[in-house]
Protein backbone atom coordinates (compact mmCIF):
# COMPACT_ATOMS: atom_id res chain seq x y z
CA MET A 1 49.80 6.09 153.49
CA LYS A 2 47.94 8.42 155.85
CA ILE A 3 45.97 5.55 157.40
CA ALA A 4 49.15 3.50 157.76
CA ILE A 5 50.88 6.36 159.58
CA ALA A 6 47.91 6.73 161.96
CA ILE A 7 47.83 2.99 162.70
CA ILE A 8 51.59 2.88 163.34
CA MET A 9 51.28 5.91 165.62
CA PHE A 10 48.43 4.34 167.61
CA CYS A 11 50.29 1.03 167.87
CA ILE A 12 53.49 2.62 169.20
CA ILE A 13 51.61 4.65 171.80
CA VAL A 14 49.59 1.63 172.93
CA ILE A 15 52.65 -0.64 173.00
CA VAL A 16 54.44 1.83 175.28
CA HIS A 17 51.38 2.08 177.54
CA GLU A 18 51.05 -1.69 177.89
CA LEU A 19 54.82 -2.02 178.18
CA GLY A 20 54.63 0.12 181.31
CA HIS A 21 52.21 -2.37 182.90
CA PHE A 22 54.30 -5.30 181.63
CA LEU A 23 57.70 -4.12 182.85
CA LEU A 24 56.49 -3.09 186.31
CA ALA A 25 54.72 -6.44 186.64
CA LYS A 26 57.92 -8.30 185.79
CA MET A 27 59.91 -6.09 188.18
CA ASN A 28 57.51 -7.04 190.98
CA GLY A 29 57.48 -10.76 190.15
CA ILE A 30 53.92 -10.71 188.81
CA ALA A 31 53.11 -13.21 186.06
CA VAL A 32 51.64 -11.77 182.84
CA LYS A 33 49.14 -14.06 181.13
CA GLU A 34 49.02 -12.20 177.80
CA PHE A 35 50.58 -9.12 176.26
CA SER A 36 48.60 -8.10 173.19
CA ILE A 37 48.40 -5.28 170.70
CA GLY A 38 44.91 -4.62 169.34
CA PHE A 39 41.57 -6.29 170.00
CA GLY A 40 39.60 -9.18 168.57
CA PRO A 41 40.85 -12.51 167.16
CA THR A 42 44.59 -13.18 167.22
CA LEU A 43 46.47 -12.65 163.97
CA ILE A 44 49.91 -13.64 165.20
CA GLY A 45 50.85 -15.05 168.57
CA PHE A 46 53.43 -17.06 170.46
CA THR A 47 54.05 -18.06 174.06
CA LYS A 48 57.30 -17.57 175.92
CA ASN A 49 57.63 -18.65 179.56
CA GLU A 50 54.22 -17.91 181.10
CA THR A 51 53.26 -15.07 178.72
CA LYS A 52 51.41 -15.17 175.41
CA TYR A 53 52.45 -12.37 173.04
CA SER A 54 49.91 -11.57 170.32
CA ILE A 55 48.78 -9.12 167.66
CA LYS A 56 45.03 -8.83 167.22
CA VAL A 57 42.86 -8.01 164.18
CA ILE A 58 41.77 -4.53 165.30
CA PRO A 59 44.93 -2.41 165.61
CA PHE A 60 43.56 0.17 168.07
CA GLY A 61 44.25 -0.55 171.73
CA GLY A 62 45.92 -3.42 173.51
CA ALA A 63 46.10 -5.27 176.80
CA CYS A 64 48.43 -6.60 179.46
CA ILE A 65 46.40 -9.41 181.05
CA PHE A 66 47.15 -10.88 184.46
CA ASP A 67 45.96 -14.18 185.89
CA ASP A 68 43.65 -12.66 188.50
CA GLU A 69 40.24 -14.11 187.72
CA ASP A 70 39.99 -16.63 190.58
CA PRO A 71 41.35 -15.38 193.92
CA GLU A 72 40.93 -18.80 195.53
CA LYS A 73 43.23 -20.48 192.99
CA ALA A 74 45.65 -17.61 192.54
CA GLU A 75 49.32 -18.56 192.54
CA GLU A 76 52.00 -16.63 194.41
CA SER A 77 53.08 -14.93 191.17
CA SER A 78 49.55 -13.74 190.34
CA PHE A 79 48.55 -10.08 190.36
CA LEU A 80 46.20 -10.60 193.31
CA LYS A 81 48.94 -12.03 195.52
CA ALA A 82 51.24 -9.03 195.02
CA SER A 83 51.35 -6.27 197.63
CA VAL A 84 48.87 -3.45 197.15
CA TRP A 85 51.69 -0.97 196.45
CA ALA A 86 53.15 -3.29 193.80
CA ARG A 87 49.73 -3.46 192.14
CA ILE A 88 49.37 0.33 192.30
CA ALA A 89 52.78 0.69 190.63
CA VAL A 90 51.83 -1.77 187.87
CA ILE A 91 48.51 -0.04 187.09
CA ALA A 92 49.94 3.50 187.25
CA ALA A 93 52.91 2.56 185.03
CA GLY A 94 50.85 2.55 181.81
CA PRO A 95 49.79 6.21 181.93
CA ILE A 96 53.19 7.24 183.32
CA PHE A 97 54.92 5.55 180.38
CA ASN A 98 52.67 7.56 178.06
CA PHE A 99 53.90 10.77 179.68
CA ILE A 100 57.49 9.56 179.38
CA LEU A 101 56.95 8.75 175.69
CA ALA A 102 55.44 12.20 175.12
CA PHE A 103 58.47 13.77 176.80
CA ILE A 104 60.94 11.77 174.67
CA MET A 105 59.14 12.78 171.48
CA ALA A 106 59.04 16.39 172.69
CA LEU A 107 62.84 16.33 172.99
CA PHE A 108 63.08 15.76 169.23
CA VAL A 109 60.45 18.38 168.40
CA VAL A 110 61.86 21.10 170.68
CA GLY A 111 65.44 20.25 169.69
CA ALA A 112 64.61 20.51 165.98
CA SER A 113 62.05 23.33 165.80
CA GLY A 114 62.28 25.18 169.11
CA TYR A 115 59.47 26.45 171.33
CA ASP A 116 56.86 29.20 171.20
CA GLU A 117 58.11 31.71 173.75
CA PRO A 118 55.29 33.88 175.18
CA ILE A 119 56.65 37.14 173.76
CA LEU A 120 54.26 39.61 172.13
CA ARG A 121 54.91 40.33 168.47
CA SER A 122 52.04 42.76 167.91
CA VAL A 123 49.55 44.77 169.98
CA MET A 124 46.37 45.91 168.23
CA ASP A 125 45.22 49.52 168.41
CA GLY A 126 42.09 50.09 170.46
CA TYR A 127 42.10 46.68 172.13
CA PRO A 128 42.32 45.98 175.89
CA ALA A 129 45.97 44.87 175.72
CA GLN A 130 47.04 48.28 174.46
CA GLU A 131 44.87 50.04 177.02
CA ALA A 132 46.46 47.92 179.77
CA GLY A 133 49.91 49.13 178.71
CA LEU A 134 51.25 46.00 177.01
CA GLN A 135 53.82 46.52 174.24
CA VAL A 136 55.61 44.53 171.56
CA ASP A 137 58.43 42.34 172.99
CA ASP A 138 56.79 42.09 176.41
CA LYS A 139 57.09 38.55 177.79
CA ILE A 140 53.98 37.12 179.46
CA LEU A 141 54.87 35.39 182.74
CA LYS A 142 51.49 34.77 184.28
CA MET A 143 47.80 34.83 183.33
CA GLY A 144 45.61 34.94 186.42
CA ASN A 145 46.98 32.27 188.74
CA GLU A 146 48.58 30.25 185.94
CA ASN A 147 52.30 30.46 185.18
CA VAL A 148 53.03 30.78 181.47
CA LYS A 149 55.96 29.15 179.68
CA LEU A 150 54.56 28.78 176.14
CA TYR A 151 52.52 31.22 174.07
CA ARG A 152 49.96 28.47 173.46
CA GLU A 153 49.15 28.67 177.17
CA VAL A 154 48.20 32.32 176.67
CA THR A 155 45.99 31.38 173.70
CA LEU A 156 44.36 28.55 175.66
CA TYR A 157 43.72 30.82 178.63
CA SER A 158 42.10 33.39 176.37
CA PHE A 159 39.83 30.73 174.85
CA LEU A 160 38.81 29.23 178.19
CA HIS A 161 38.16 32.54 179.95
CA GLN A 162 36.01 34.40 177.44
CA ASN A 163 34.74 37.84 178.53
CA GLU A 164 36.67 37.72 181.81
CA SER A 165 39.13 40.22 183.20
CA VAL A 166 42.56 38.83 184.00
CA GLU A 167 45.58 39.99 185.98
CA VAL A 168 48.65 39.67 183.77
CA THR A 169 52.25 39.58 184.93
CA TYR A 170 54.77 40.39 182.23
CA GLU A 171 58.45 41.21 181.84
CA ARG A 172 59.91 44.21 180.03
CA ASP A 173 63.62 45.03 179.94
CA GLY A 174 64.28 42.67 182.84
CA GLN A 175 61.59 44.23 185.08
CA LYS A 176 58.31 42.60 186.10
CA TYR A 177 54.99 44.44 185.86
CA THR A 178 51.39 43.59 186.60
CA THR A 179 48.29 44.90 184.87
CA THR A 180 44.65 43.96 184.39
CA MET A 181 43.05 43.28 181.02
CA ASN A 182 39.53 42.71 179.80
CA GLN A 183 38.51 41.27 176.43
CA LEU A 184 36.83 42.88 173.43
CA PHE A 185 34.14 41.02 171.49
CA ASP A 186 34.74 40.35 167.78
CA ALA A 187 31.36 39.85 166.08
CA GLU A 188 32.94 38.36 162.95
CA ASP A 189 34.69 35.55 164.91
CA ASN A 190 32.01 35.43 167.62
CA ARG A 191 34.57 35.43 170.43
CA TYR A 192 36.51 37.75 172.70
CA TYR A 193 40.13 38.87 172.24
CA TYR A 194 42.75 40.68 174.30
CA GLY A 195 44.17 42.23 171.15
CA PHE A 196 47.71 40.91 170.87
CA SER A 197 49.54 38.12 169.07
CA GLY A 198 52.87 36.42 169.65
CA GLY A 199 54.60 33.11 170.04
CA ALA A 200 57.43 33.31 167.54
CA TYR A 201 59.42 30.09 167.76
CA VAL A 202 62.80 30.27 169.47
CA LYS A 203 65.36 27.59 168.71
CA ASP A 204 67.84 26.93 171.49
CA SER A 205 69.79 23.69 171.16
CA SER A 206 71.37 23.80 174.61
CA PRO A 207 70.54 20.47 176.35
CA LEU A 208 69.17 22.09 179.49
CA ARG A 209 66.84 24.36 177.53
CA VAL A 210 65.61 21.47 175.37
CA LEU A 211 64.90 19.35 178.46
CA GLN A 212 63.16 22.26 180.16
CA TYR A 213 60.85 23.15 177.28
CA SER A 214 60.15 19.51 176.43
CA ALA A 215 58.74 19.21 179.95
CA TYR A 216 56.72 22.39 179.40
CA GLU A 217 55.41 20.90 176.13
CA VAL A 218 54.11 17.78 177.87
CA ARG A 219 52.73 19.86 180.72
CA PHE A 220 50.79 21.97 178.23
CA TRP A 221 49.07 18.95 176.68
CA ILE A 222 48.28 17.42 180.06
CA LYS A 223 46.83 20.73 181.24
CA SER A 224 44.84 21.32 178.06
CA THR A 225 43.40 17.77 178.25
CA LEU A 226 42.28 18.30 181.84
CA GLN A 227 40.77 21.68 181.02
CA SER A 228 38.99 20.22 178.00
CA ILE A 229 37.45 17.55 180.23
CA GLY A 230 36.27 20.31 182.53
CA MET A 231 34.68 22.09 179.56
CA ILE A 232 32.74 18.93 178.72
CA PHE A 233 31.13 18.94 182.16
CA GLU A 234 30.47 22.67 181.85
CA GLY A 235 28.71 22.11 178.53
CA LYS A 236 31.22 24.22 176.58
CA ILE A 237 32.22 21.31 174.33
CA THR A 238 29.72 19.55 172.08
CA LYS A 239 29.84 16.11 170.45
CA ASP A 240 31.33 17.72 167.32
CA ASP A 241 34.39 18.79 169.32
CA VAL A 242 35.22 15.22 170.40
CA SER A 243 37.09 12.75 168.18
CA GLY A 244 37.91 9.06 168.37
CA PRO A 245 40.26 6.90 166.28
CA VAL A 246 38.49 7.77 163.00
CA GLY A 247 38.58 11.50 163.68
CA ILE A 248 42.21 11.35 164.78
CA THR A 249 43.11 9.40 161.65
CA GLN A 250 41.45 12.13 159.58
CA MET A 251 43.42 14.77 161.51
CA VAL A 252 46.66 12.87 160.87
CA GLY A 253 45.82 12.80 157.16
CA ASP A 254 45.07 16.53 157.04
CA VAL A 255 48.31 17.42 158.84
CA TYR A 256 50.27 15.03 156.60
CA GLU A 257 48.94 16.71 153.45
CA GLU A 258 49.80 20.17 154.79
CA ALA A 259 53.32 19.16 155.83
CA ALA A 260 54.21 16.94 152.85
CA PRO A 261 55.12 19.79 150.44
CA ALA A 262 57.74 21.01 152.97
CA GLY A 263 59.59 17.69 152.95
CA VAL A 264 60.17 14.62 155.08
CA SER A 265 61.48 16.49 158.13
CA ALA A 266 58.33 18.63 158.27
CA VAL A 267 56.15 15.51 158.07
CA VAL A 268 58.11 13.76 160.82
CA LEU A 269 57.94 16.76 163.16
CA SER A 270 54.22 17.23 162.47
CA MET A 271 53.51 13.56 163.21
CA LEU A 272 55.57 13.75 166.38
CA ASN A 273 53.55 16.76 167.52
CA ILE A 274 50.32 14.80 167.05
CA ALA A 275 51.81 11.77 168.79
CA ILE A 276 52.78 13.93 171.79
CA LEU A 277 49.19 15.17 172.02
CA ILE A 278 47.72 11.65 171.75
CA SER A 279 50.17 10.05 174.19
CA ALA A 280 49.68 12.75 176.83
CA ASN A 281 45.92 12.62 176.26
CA LEU A 282 45.87 8.83 176.66
CA GLY A 283 47.85 9.10 179.88
CA VAL A 284 45.44 11.62 181.36
CA MET A 285 42.30 9.78 180.22
CA ASN A 286 43.52 6.49 181.67
CA LEU A 287 44.14 8.11 185.05
CA LEU A 288 40.56 9.37 185.32
CA PRO A 289 38.66 7.54 188.11
CA ILE A 290 36.40 5.77 185.61
CA PRO A 291 35.62 2.05 186.03
CA ALA A 292 37.49 -0.24 183.58
CA LEU A 293 40.24 2.34 183.09
CA ASP A 294 43.53 2.39 184.99
CA GLY A 295 42.25 5.27 187.12
CA GLY A 296 39.19 3.25 188.11
CA ARG A 297 41.36 0.33 189.20
CA LEU A 298 43.60 2.69 191.16
CA VAL A 299 40.56 3.95 193.07
CA PHE A 300 39.84 0.43 194.30
CA LEU A 301 43.49 -0.11 195.20
CA PHE A 302 43.69 3.11 197.22
CA ILE A 303 40.46 2.13 198.97
CA GLU A 304 42.21 -1.14 199.82
CA VAL A 305 45.12 0.83 201.27
CA ILE A 306 42.71 2.81 203.49
CA ARG A 307 40.60 -0.24 204.52
CA ARG A 308 43.65 -2.50 204.78
CA LYS A 309 41.75 -5.18 202.96
CA PRO A 310 40.62 -5.55 199.33
CA ILE A 311 37.10 -5.02 198.09
CA SER A 312 35.36 -8.18 196.92
CA GLN A 313 36.56 -9.21 193.45
CA GLU A 314 32.96 -9.86 192.42
CA LYS A 315 31.86 -6.33 193.35
CA GLU A 316 34.87 -4.70 191.75
CA GLY A 317 34.50 -6.86 188.65
CA MET A 318 30.85 -5.85 188.29
CA VAL A 319 31.72 -2.14 188.54
CA HIS A 320 34.43 -2.50 185.90
CA PHE A 321 32.09 -4.51 183.66
CA VAL A 322 29.43 -1.80 183.75
CA GLY A 323 32.11 0.84 183.14
CA LEU A 324 33.48 -1.10 180.19
CA ALA A 325 30.03 -1.48 178.68
CA LEU A 326 29.39 2.26 178.97
CA LEU A 327 32.81 3.03 177.47
CA MET A 328 32.10 0.73 174.52
CA ILE A 329 28.78 2.51 173.92
CA LEU A 330 30.60 5.85 174.06
CA MET A 331 33.28 4.60 171.63
CA VAL A 332 30.60 3.47 169.16
CA PHE A 333 28.87 6.85 169.43
CA VAL A 334 32.13 8.79 168.93
CA MET A 335 33.13 6.59 165.98
CA TYR A 336 29.71 7.04 164.38
CA ASN A 337 29.96 10.80 164.87
CA ASP A 338 33.46 10.81 163.32
CA ILE A 339 32.24 8.88 160.28
CA MET A 340 29.27 11.20 159.81
CA ARG A 341 31.60 14.21 159.84
CA LEU A 342 33.57 12.69 156.96
CA PHE A 343 30.52 13.04 154.72
CA GLN A 344 29.65 16.60 155.69
């Protein structure tokens, strides 16, 4: 059951991503050679008009394939013959559709369970927060230069800025105040804390509030993904902190087991929360300027805009091939690491 839920979740997210490419291609009169879900040999497939629709053996991933292999023989409806801005729209649509999907799912989550407002529920004696003058029911508005809308943003900031002082803007009785806090080291947890807790969920079913905090929800996951990538380059994240399909499937199973005793609604909301994370994460990762990913293709297209002529297909193809090979090696490594963790 847990594996089935994970596979369905992956498939829906990938279908929406590829659907973004597909729909924008059709809108711009670009022929789609194949629209597939999964990788490997075809399990089920049929052709309608110029497009082959198929489901592959391996359920993770998918593709929207254009007829752009031979520029000399390209037809007017091919991807290569489209304007550069049409091609940019088609490539960018996949990640953008992932953000849209995350937002739609967030509407259900926020509408049903509310949002974690950044209001303090406790302030610990002897910790920097108390010394800085913070009190219970204060609402955090800003941490450093970052505006705060969810309490998770406060928690994330604390984690990413260990042993750093921070200027905090907060609201009390309708008035705004600013103070500076440091962090106190906790030897038992081996990390630094400000010395407060908060984030009680507020449920507000007004449409405007649900729309507003659904956008904040997606923004949080986009921001946390980008900051996590930054931590990788800074050496703050190790291989054990990174997960692929196997690790995510295990996470889905763990969350399912925790939520199941609370009933179907709890399971659905928990799965939607994970799906929001994955969809937003996929959108961000695909926009990174890495060869073979959407972001890598966008780099070449924007270079074409600047040069006013495309880069040689052979050169671009070679760059993407090398990038794809490196990504496959990385995927194998991550999958191996995920499997090894299952036996620890």
